[in-house]
C-alpha atoms as a PDB file:
ATOM      1  CA  UNK A   1      44.481 -30.480  32.251  1.00  0.00           C
ATOM      2  CA  UNK A   2      44.682 -26.730  31.359  1.00  0.00           C
ATOM      3  CA  UNK A   3      44.420 -27.709  27.535  1.00  0.00           C
ATOM      4  CA  UNK A   4      41.257 -29.713  28.271  1.00  0.00           C
ATOM      5  CA  UNK A   5      39.568 -26.772  30.070  1.00  0.00           C
ATOM      6  CA  UNK A   6      40.788 -24.397  27.453  1.00  0.00           C
ATOM      7  CA  UNK A   7      39.341 -26.616  24.690  1.00  0.00           C
ATOM      8  CA  UNK A   8      35.991 -26.904  26.360  1.00  0.00           C
ATOM      9  CA  UNK A   9      35.742 -23.158  26.882  1.00  0.00           C
ATOM     10  CA  UNK A  10      36.640 -22.583  23.245  1.00  0.00           C
ATOM     11  CA  UNK A  11      34.077 -25.210  22.043  1.00  0.00           C
ATOM     12  CA  UNK A  12      31.339 -23.511  24.358  1.00  0.00           C
ATOM     13  CA  UNK A  13      32.175 -20.133  22.695  1.00  0.00           C
ATOM     14  CA  UNK A  14      31.919 -21.603  19.205  1.00  0.00           C
ATOM     15  CA  UNK A  15      28.647 -23.265  20.073  1.00  0.00           C
ATOM     16  CA  UNK A  16      27.272 -19.989  21.406  1.00  0.00           C
ATOM     17  CA  UNK A  17      28.333 -18.171  18.272  1.00  0.00           C
ATOM     18  CA  UNK A  18      26.850 -20.848  16.043  1.00  0.00           C
ATOM     19  CA  UNK A  19      23.520 -20.498  17.822  1.00  0.00           C
ATOM     20  CA  UNK A  20      23.614 -16.799  17.559  1.00  0.00           C
ATOM     21  CA  UNK A  21      24.253 -16.968  13.900  1.00  0.00           C
ATOM     22  CA  UNK A  22      21.301 -19.296  13.294  1.00  0.00           C
ATOM     23  CA  UNK A  23      19.020 -16.973  15.253  1.00  0.00           C
ATOM     24  CA  UNK A  24      20.055 -13.930  13.206  1.00  0.00           C
ATOM     25  CA  UNK A  25      19.570 -15.960   9.980  1.00  0.00           C
ATOM     26  CA  UNK A  26      16.036 -16.767  11.153  1.00  0.00           C
ATOM     27  CA  UNK A  27      15.295 -13.119  12.214  1.00  0.00           C
ATOM     28  CA  UNK A  28      16.524 -11.965   8.653  1.00  0.00           C
ATOM     29  CA  UNK A  29      14.303 -14.325   6.888  1.00  0.00           C
ATOM     30  CA  UNK A  30      11.357 -13.336   8.934  1.00  0.00           C
ATOM     31  CA  UNK A  31      11.729  -9.655   8.905  1.00  0.00           C
ATOM     32  CA  UNK A  32       8.974  -7.615   7.210  1.00  0.00           C
ATOM     33  CA  UNK A  33       9.476  -6.671   3.681  1.00  0.00           C
ATOM     34  CA  UNK A  34       8.637  -3.003   3.150  1.00  0.00           C
ATOM     35  CA  UNK A  35       7.579  -1.503  -0.196  1.00  0.00           C
ATOM     36  CA  UNK A  36       8.066   2.228  -0.754  1.00  0.00           C
ATOM     37  CA  UNK A  37       4.481   3.093  -2.013  1.00  0.00           C
ATOM     38  CA  UNK A  38       5.414   6.784  -2.549  1.00  0.00           C
ATOM     39  CA  UNK A  39       7.257   5.824  -5.966  1.00  0.00           C
ATOM     40  CA  UNK A  40       4.443   3.554  -7.138  1.00  0.00           C
ATOM     41  CA  UNK A  41       1.572   4.848  -9.249  1.00  0.00           C
ATOM     42  CA  UNK A  42      -1.360   2.948 -10.448  1.00  0.00           C
ATOM     43  CA  UNK A  43      -3.313   3.767 -13.610  1.00  0.00           C
ATOM     44  CA  UNK A  44      -6.895   2.820 -14.147  1.00  0.00           C
ATOM     45  CA  UNK A  45      -8.016   2.305 -17.761  1.00  0.00           C
ATOM     46  CA  UNK A  46     -11.633   2.533 -18.237  1.00  0.00           C
ATOM     47  CA  UNK A  47     -13.453   1.812 -21.567  1.00  0.00           C
ATOM     48  CA  UNK A  48     -16.203   4.245 -22.546  1.00  0.00           C
ATOM     49  CA  UNK A  49     -18.613   3.306 -25.303  1.00  0.00           C
ATOM     50  CA  UNK A  50     -18.136   5.373 -28.317  1.00  0.00           C
ATOM     51  CA  UNK A  51     -21.374   7.238 -29.006  1.00  0.00           C
ATOM     52  CA  UNK A  52     -22.931   7.025 -32.522  1.00  0.00           C
ATOM     53  CA  UNK A  53     -22.537  10.650 -32.968  1.00  0.00           C
ATOM     54  CA  UNK A  54     -18.619  10.222 -32.831  1.00  0.00           C
ATOM     55  CA  UNK A  55     -18.866   7.492 -35.556  1.00  0.00           C
ATOM     56  CA  UNK A  56     -21.302   9.502 -37.785  1.00  0.00           C
ATOM     57  CA  UNK A  57     -19.265  10.949 -40.669  1.00  0.00           C
ATOM     58  CA  UNK A  58     -21.943  13.392 -41.760  1.00  0.00           C
ATOM     59  CA  UNK A  59     -21.891  15.434 -38.427  1.00  0.00           C
ATOM     60  CA  UNK A  60     -20.041  18.655 -38.351  1.00  0.00           C
ATOM     61  CA  UNK A  61     -16.622  18.841 -36.624  1.00  0.00           C
ATOM     62  CA  UNK A  62     -17.960  21.082 -33.976  1.00  0.00           C
ATOM     63  CA  UNK A  63     -20.418  18.383 -33.035  1.00  0.00           C
ATOM     64  CA  UNK A  64     -17.770  15.764 -32.833  1.00  0.00           C
ATOM     65  CA  UNK A  65     -15.531  18.067 -30.567  1.00  0.00           C
ATOM     66  CA  UNK A  66     -18.359  18.654 -28.210  1.00  0.00           C
ATOM     67  CA  UNK A  67     -19.108  14.877 -28.019  1.00  0.00           C
ATOM     68  CA  UNK A  68     -15.476  14.127 -27.417  1.00  0.00           C
ATOM     69  CA  UNK A  69     -15.410  16.730 -24.503  1.00  0.00           C
ATOM     70  CA  UNK A  70     -18.624  15.036 -23.046  1.00  0.00           C
ATOM     71  CA  UNK A  71     -16.839  11.635 -23.312  1.00  0.00           C
ATOM     72  CA  UNK A  72     -13.819  12.989 -21.588  1.00  0.00           C
ATOM     73  CA  UNK A  73     -15.818  14.584 -18.808  1.00  0.00           C
ATOM     74  CA  UNK A  74     -17.627  11.101 -18.360  1.00  0.00           C
ATOM     75  CA  UNK A  75     -14.264   9.504 -17.987  1.00  0.00           C
ATOM     76  CA  UNK A  76     -13.199  11.972 -15.353  1.00  0.00           C
ATOM     77  CA  UNK A  77     -16.362  11.686 -13.391  1.00  0.00           C
ATOM     78  CA  UNK A  78     -16.213   7.903 -13.466  1.00  0.00           C
ATOM     79  CA  UNK A  79     -12.656   7.807 -12.322  1.00  0.00           C
ATOM     80  CA  UNK A  80     -13.292  10.419  -9.433  1.00  0.00           C
ATOM     81  CA  UNK A  81     -16.270   8.097  -8.165  1.00  0.00           C
ATOM     82  CA  UNK A  82     -14.298   4.928  -8.370  1.00  0.00           C
ATOM     83  CA  UNK A  83     -13.151   3.709  -5.036  1.00  0.00           C
ATOM     84  CA  UNK A  84      -9.535   2.920  -3.959  1.00  0.00           C
ATOM     85  CA  UNK A  85      -8.561   0.131  -1.862  1.00  0.00           C
ATOM     86  CA  UNK A  86      -5.320  -0.764  -0.029  1.00  0.00           C
ATOM     87  CA  UNK A  87      -3.764  -3.462   2.126  1.00  0.00           C
ATOM     88  CA  UNK A  88      -1.149  -3.470   4.750  1.00  0.00           C
ATOM     89  CA  UNK A  89       2.345  -4.799   3.968  1.00  0.00           C
ATOM     90  CA  UNK A  90       3.078  -5.617   7.658  1.00  0.00           C
ATOM     91  CA  UNK A  91       1.471  -5.364  11.070  1.00  0.00           C
ATOM     92  CA  UNK A  92       0.600  -1.590  11.436  1.00  0.00           C
ATOM     93  CA  UNK A  93      -1.178   0.704  13.626  1.00  0.00           C
ATOM     94  CA  UNK A  94      -4.350   2.404  12.677  1.00  0.00           C
ATOM     95  CA  UNK A  95      -4.589   6.090  14.204  1.00  0.00           C
ATOM     96  CA  UNK A  96      -7.178   8.699  14.718  1.00  0.00           C
ATOM     97  CA  UNK A  97      -5.016  11.392  13.257  1.00  0.00           C
ATOM     98  CA  UNK A  98      -2.256  11.870  10.535  1.00  0.00           C
ATOM     99  CA  UNK A  99       0.875  11.877  12.673  1.00  0.00           C
ATOM    100  CA  UNK A 100       2.803   9.307  14.651  1.00  0.00           C
ATOM    101  CA  UNK A 101       1.935  10.702  18.171  1.00  0.00           C
ATOM    102  CA  UNK A 102      -1.811  10.218  17.484  1.00  0.00           C
ATOM    103  CA  UNK A 103      -3.963   7.771  19.437  1.00  0.00           C
ATOM    104  CA  UNK A 104      -3.593   4.121  18.177  1.00  0.00           C
ATOM    105  CA  UNK A 105      -7.260   2.947  17.335  1.00  0.00           C
ATOM    106  CA  UNK A 106      -6.086  -0.635  16.619  1.00  0.00           C
ATOM    107  CA  UNK A 107      -3.130  -2.773  15.323  1.00  0.00           C
ATOM    108  CA  UNK A 108      -3.903  -4.768  12.204  1.00  0.00           C
ATOM    109  CA  UNK A 109      -2.091  -7.755  10.606  1.00  0.00           C
ATOM    110  CA  UNK A 110      -0.313  -7.793   7.242  1.00  0.00           C
ATOM    111  CA  UNK A 111      -2.677  -8.104   4.281  1.00  0.00           C
ATOM    112  CA  UNK A 112      -5.632  -6.350   5.988  1.00  0.00           C
ATOM    113  CA  UNK A 113      -7.676  -4.753   3.287  1.00  0.00           C
ATOM    114  CA  UNK A 114      -9.365  -1.297   3.668  1.00  0.00           C
ATOM    115  CA  UNK A 115     -11.075   1.443   1.572  1.00  0.00           C
ATOM    116  CA  UNK A 116      -8.891   4.558   0.815  1.00  0.00           C
ATOM    117  CA  UNK A 117     -10.675   7.894   1.123  1.00  0.00           C
ATOM    118  CA  UNK A 118      -7.667  10.118   0.466  1.00  0.00           C
ATOM    119  CA  UNK A 119      -3.922   9.693  -0.198  1.00  0.00           C
ATOM    120  CA  UNK A 120      -2.265  12.696   1.525  1.00  0.00           C
ATOM    121  CA  UNK A 121       0.908  14.408   0.710  1.00  0.00           C
ATOM    122  CA  UNK A 122       2.276  14.231   4.203  1.00  0.00           C
ATOM    123  CA  UNK A 123       2.976  10.358   4.034  1.00  0.00           C
ATOM    124  CA  UNK A 124      -0.520   9.340   5.559  1.00  0.00           C
ATOM    125  CA  UNK A 125      -3.478   7.828   3.973  1.00  0.00           C
ATOM    126  CA  UNK A 126      -7.051   8.502   5.183  1.00  0.00           C
ATOM    127  CA  UNK A 127      -9.208   5.291   5.277  1.00  0.00           C
ATOM    128  CA  UNK A 128     -12.359   3.843   6.527  1.00  0.00           C
ATOM    129  CA  UNK A 129     -11.810   1.670   9.498  1.00  0.00           C
ATOM    130  CA  UNK A 130     -14.736   0.117  11.398  1.00  0.00           C
ATOM    131  CA  UNK A 131     -17.023   2.615   9.656  1.00  0.00           C
ATOM    132  CA  UNK A 132     -15.164   5.706  10.748  1.00  0.00           C
ATOM    133  CA  UNK A 133     -12.347   7.744   9.307  1.00  0.00           C
ATOM    134  CA  UNK A 134      -8.789   6.671  10.496  1.00  0.00           C
ATOM    135  CA  UNK A 135      -5.302   7.171   9.222  1.00  0.00           C
ATOM    136  CA  UNK A 136      -2.396   4.712   8.311  1.00  0.00           C
ATOM    137  CA  UNK A 137       1.012   5.483   7.346  1.00  0.00           C
ATOM    138  CA  UNK A 138       1.566   5.253   3.548  1.00  0.00           C
ATOM    139  CA  UNK A 139       4.870   3.501   4.206  1.00  0.00           C
ATOM    140  CA  UNK A 140       3.011   0.340   5.036  1.00  0.00           C
ATOM    141  CA  UNK A 141       0.239   0.350   2.292  1.00  0.00           C
ATOM    142  CA  UNK A 142       0.021  -1.442  -0.878  1.00  0.00           C
ATOM    143  CA  UNK A 143      -2.482  -0.033  -3.375  1.00  0.00           C
ATOM    144  CA  UNK A 144      -4.720  -2.637  -4.916  1.00  0.00           C
ATOM    145  CA  UNK A 145      -7.485  -2.524  -7.553  1.00  0.00           C
ATOM    146  CA  UNK A 146     -10.745  -4.479  -6.952  1.00  0.00           C
END
């Protein structure tokens, strides 16, 4: 009689442990996957048409240098005007200031896209959310090009 009770207790413990292991496996599979965006850098390559004065072989060297400088300035201006976009890597809070104690304006789902105003050095990104400036932690942002 004691062996039967002991066996049933042990079987119950084994069943409980098996269920716990299954639940843990499901939690591990469904956990959010974070990407460290501080190490990622994106490069944007833009093509600028070569002006005819750069191709002209009869022009003086100083003219070519001036044209190259103008082309470089045009590239820099175009890159500074180009908008940056990002999306969330997981469910994340949008805040009204760049600190974790700031008021939460909203919580958005993974994959939510937004326009980036500024990438700050303090680990926060200034974005446009519902037509106003807001902040999101850069730990949960994936930079995208559109």
